[in-house]
Amino acid sequence: MEVRFAQRIEVPVAWGEQDLFGHVNNIVYFRWFESVRMHFLERIGALRSHAEQGVGVILATTTCDFQRPVHWPQRLTVETGPTHIGNTSFTLAYRITDEAGLTVAEGTSVQVMYDYNAGHKVPIPAPIRAAITALQHP
């Protein structure tokens, strides 16, 4: 599957993110995914929609395939981009690469559009759908 990674951040590995085995603990990868996802959500207007109308996203699922250990010191690139847009949800793919350009992890997440005031999922609003589509197929 060809993914257009539309959002990118760089993160330094912190010494304290390593575990007893001397590499970055697996939960940290999900934090990095979350960080780039929040930038993506801001870019497509989902954070504004949540603040103004109470309609935002809720995380339904997330995965991570660990491909190689990461050690301190290191600066990583974390990327995300949309791979699927449904009626009420969309899927993002993630890739984390190290300073040498090697992939250290890949993952996915499914976000569901959610009306926080009514307490249920809703269709993706047209402006958000258009923004995701534009990033998926420029």
Protein backbone atom coordinates (compact mmCIF):
# COMPACT_ATOMS: atom_id res chain seq x y z
CA MET A 1 0.00 0.00 0.00
CA GLU A 2 1.40 3.36 -1.04
CA VAL A 3 1.01 5.94 1.71
CA ARG A 4 1.46 9.66 1.32
CA PHE A 5 2.90 10.73 4.65
CA ALA A 6 1.35 14.18 4.83
CA GLN A 7 2.37 15.10 8.39
CA ARG A 8 5.87 14.87 9.85
CA ILE A 9 7.53 15.75 13.14
CA GLU A 10 10.97 15.18 14.57
CA VAL A 11 11.41 13.91 18.11
CA PRO A 12 14.55 13.53 20.20
CA VAL A 13 14.85 10.30 22.14
CA ALA A 14 14.99 11.11 25.85
CA TRP A 15 17.30 9.13 28.13
CA GLY A 16 14.37 8.28 30.40
CA GLU A 17 12.41 6.68 27.53
CA GLN A 18 14.74 3.69 27.63
CA ASP A 19 13.84 0.66 29.68
CA LEU A 20 15.81 -1.93 31.64
CA PHE A 21 16.94 -3.55 28.37
CA GLY A 22 18.63 -0.34 27.18
CA HIS A 23 16.26 0.54 24.35
CA VAL A 24 13.19 2.75 24.05
CA ASN A 25 10.20 1.21 25.82
CA ASN A 26 7.40 0.11 23.48
CA ILE A 27 4.76 2.46 24.95
CA VAL A 28 6.82 5.46 23.85
CA TYR A 29 6.21 4.64 20.18
CA PHE A 30 2.48 5.10 20.77
CA ARG A 31 3.18 8.52 22.32
CA TRP A 32 5.12 9.49 19.20
CA PHE A 33 2.22 8.28 17.02
CA GLU A 34 -0.13 10.37 19.17
CA SER A 35 2.05 13.46 18.80
CA VAL A 36 2.11 13.36 15.01
CA ARG A 37 -1.60 12.41 14.96
CA MET A 38 -2.50 15.54 16.93
CA HIS A 39 -0.66 17.71 14.39
CA PHE A 40 -2.58 15.90 11.63
CA LEU A 41 -5.91 16.42 13.43
CA GLU A 42 -5.15 20.10 13.84
CA ARG A 43 -4.29 20.36 10.15
CA ILE A 44 -7.59 18.80 8.98
CA GLY A 45 -9.72 20.90 11.33
CA ALA A 46 -10.78 18.10 13.69
CA LEU A 47 -9.48 19.89 16.79
CA ARG A 48 -11.31 23.09 15.84
CA SER A 49 -14.49 21.09 15.19
CA HIS A 50 -14.21 19.51 18.62
CA ALA A 51 -13.69 22.87 20.31
CA GLU A 52 -16.48 24.66 18.43
CA GLN A 53 -19.16 21.99 17.85
CA GLY A 54 -18.20 19.16 20.20
CA VAL A 55 -17.58 16.87 17.20
CA GLY A 56 -14.09 15.42 17.20
CA VAL A 57 -12.39 12.08 16.93
CA ILE A 58 -12.07 9.19 19.31
CA LEU A 59 -9.36 6.59 18.87
CA ALA A 60 -10.86 3.18 18.03
CA THR A 61 -7.69 1.15 17.54
CA THR A 62 -3.96 1.53 17.09
CA THR A 63 -1.15 -0.86 16.19
CA CYS A 64 2.63 -0.80 16.07
CA ASP A 65 5.05 -3.13 14.33
CA PHE A 66 8.45 -2.75 15.97
CA GLN A 67 11.22 -3.31 13.42
CA ARG A 68 14.42 -2.37 15.23
CA PRO A 69 15.36 -1.10 18.67
CA VAL A 70 15.99 2.60 19.30
CA HIS A 71 18.64 3.86 21.71
CA TRP A 72 19.58 7.25 23.13
CA PRO A 73 20.88 9.58 21.74
CA GLN A 74 18.86 9.69 18.55
CA ARG A 75 16.58 12.04 16.64
CA LEU A 76 13.65 10.33 14.94
CA THR A 77 11.24 11.33 12.20
CA VAL A 78 7.61 10.37 12.86
CA GLU A 79 5.20 10.54 9.92
CA THR A 80 1.52 9.89 9.33
CA GLY A 81 -0.91 9.96 6.45
CA PRO A 82 -4.42 8.79 5.63
CA THR A 83 -4.94 5.41 3.98
CA HIS A 84 -8.72 5.00 4.14
CA ILE A 85 -11.74 7.26 4.60
CA GLY A 86 -15.02 5.66 5.57
CA ASN A 87 -18.41 7.10 6.49
CA THR A 88 -17.68 7.71 10.20
CA SER A 89 -13.98 6.85 10.47
CA PHE A 90 -10.61 7.18 8.81
CA THR A 91 -7.37 5.23 9.03
CA LEU A 92 -3.88 6.65 9.41
CA ALA A 93 -0.58 4.90 8.73
CA TYR A 94 2.57 5.75 10.68
CA ARG A 95 6.29 5.37 10.05
CA ILE A 96 9.17 6.17 12.38
CA THR A 97 12.66 6.43 10.90
CA ASP A 98 16.02 6.96 12.58
CA GLU A 99 18.81 9.37 11.67
CA ALA A 100 20.15 6.89 9.10
CA GLY A 101 16.74 6.78 7.40
CA LEU A 102 16.01 3.23 8.56
CA THR A 103 12.46 2.37 9.51
CA VAL A 104 12.28 1.49 13.22
CA ALA A 105 8.49 1.09 13.48
CA GLU A 106 5.30 1.25 11.46
CA GLY A 107 1.73 1.35 12.62
CA THR A 108 -1.88 2.28 12.05
CA SER A 109 -4.78 3.88 13.85
CA VAL A 110 -8.50 4.21 13.25
CA GLN A 111 -10.18 7.43 14.33
CA VAL A 112 -13.97 7.62 14.61
CA MET A 113 -15.79 10.93 14.34
CA TYR A 114 -17.61 11.33 17.62
CA ASP A 115 -20.21 13.79 18.89
CA TYR A 116 -19.04 14.30 22.47
CA ASN A 117 -22.24 16.14 23.43
CA ALA A 118 -24.58 13.39 22.17
CA GLY A 119 -22.24 10.51 23.04
CA HIS A 120 -22.21 8.67 19.69
CA LYS A 121 -20.35 8.42 16.40
CA VAL A 122 -21.31 10.65 13.49
CA PRO A 123 -20.44 10.94 9.79
CA ILE A 124 -17.20 12.71 8.98
CA PRO A 125 -18.10 16.39 8.43
CA ALA A 126 -17.66 17.52 4.80
CA PRO A 127 -14.82 20.03 5.52
CA ILE A 128 -12.83 17.42 7.44
CA ARG A 129 -13.45 14.78 4.75
CA ALA A 130 -12.27 17.23 2.08
CA ALA A 131 -9.12 18.04 4.07
CA ILE A 132 -8.27 14.35 4.55
CA THR A 133 -8.92 13.61 0.88
CA ALA A 134 -6.69 16.49 -0.18
CA LEU A 135 -3.85 15.12 1.94
CA GLN A 136 -4.39 11.56 0.69
CA HIS A 137 -4.60 12.54 -3.00
CA PRO A 138 -2.99 15.92 -3.60
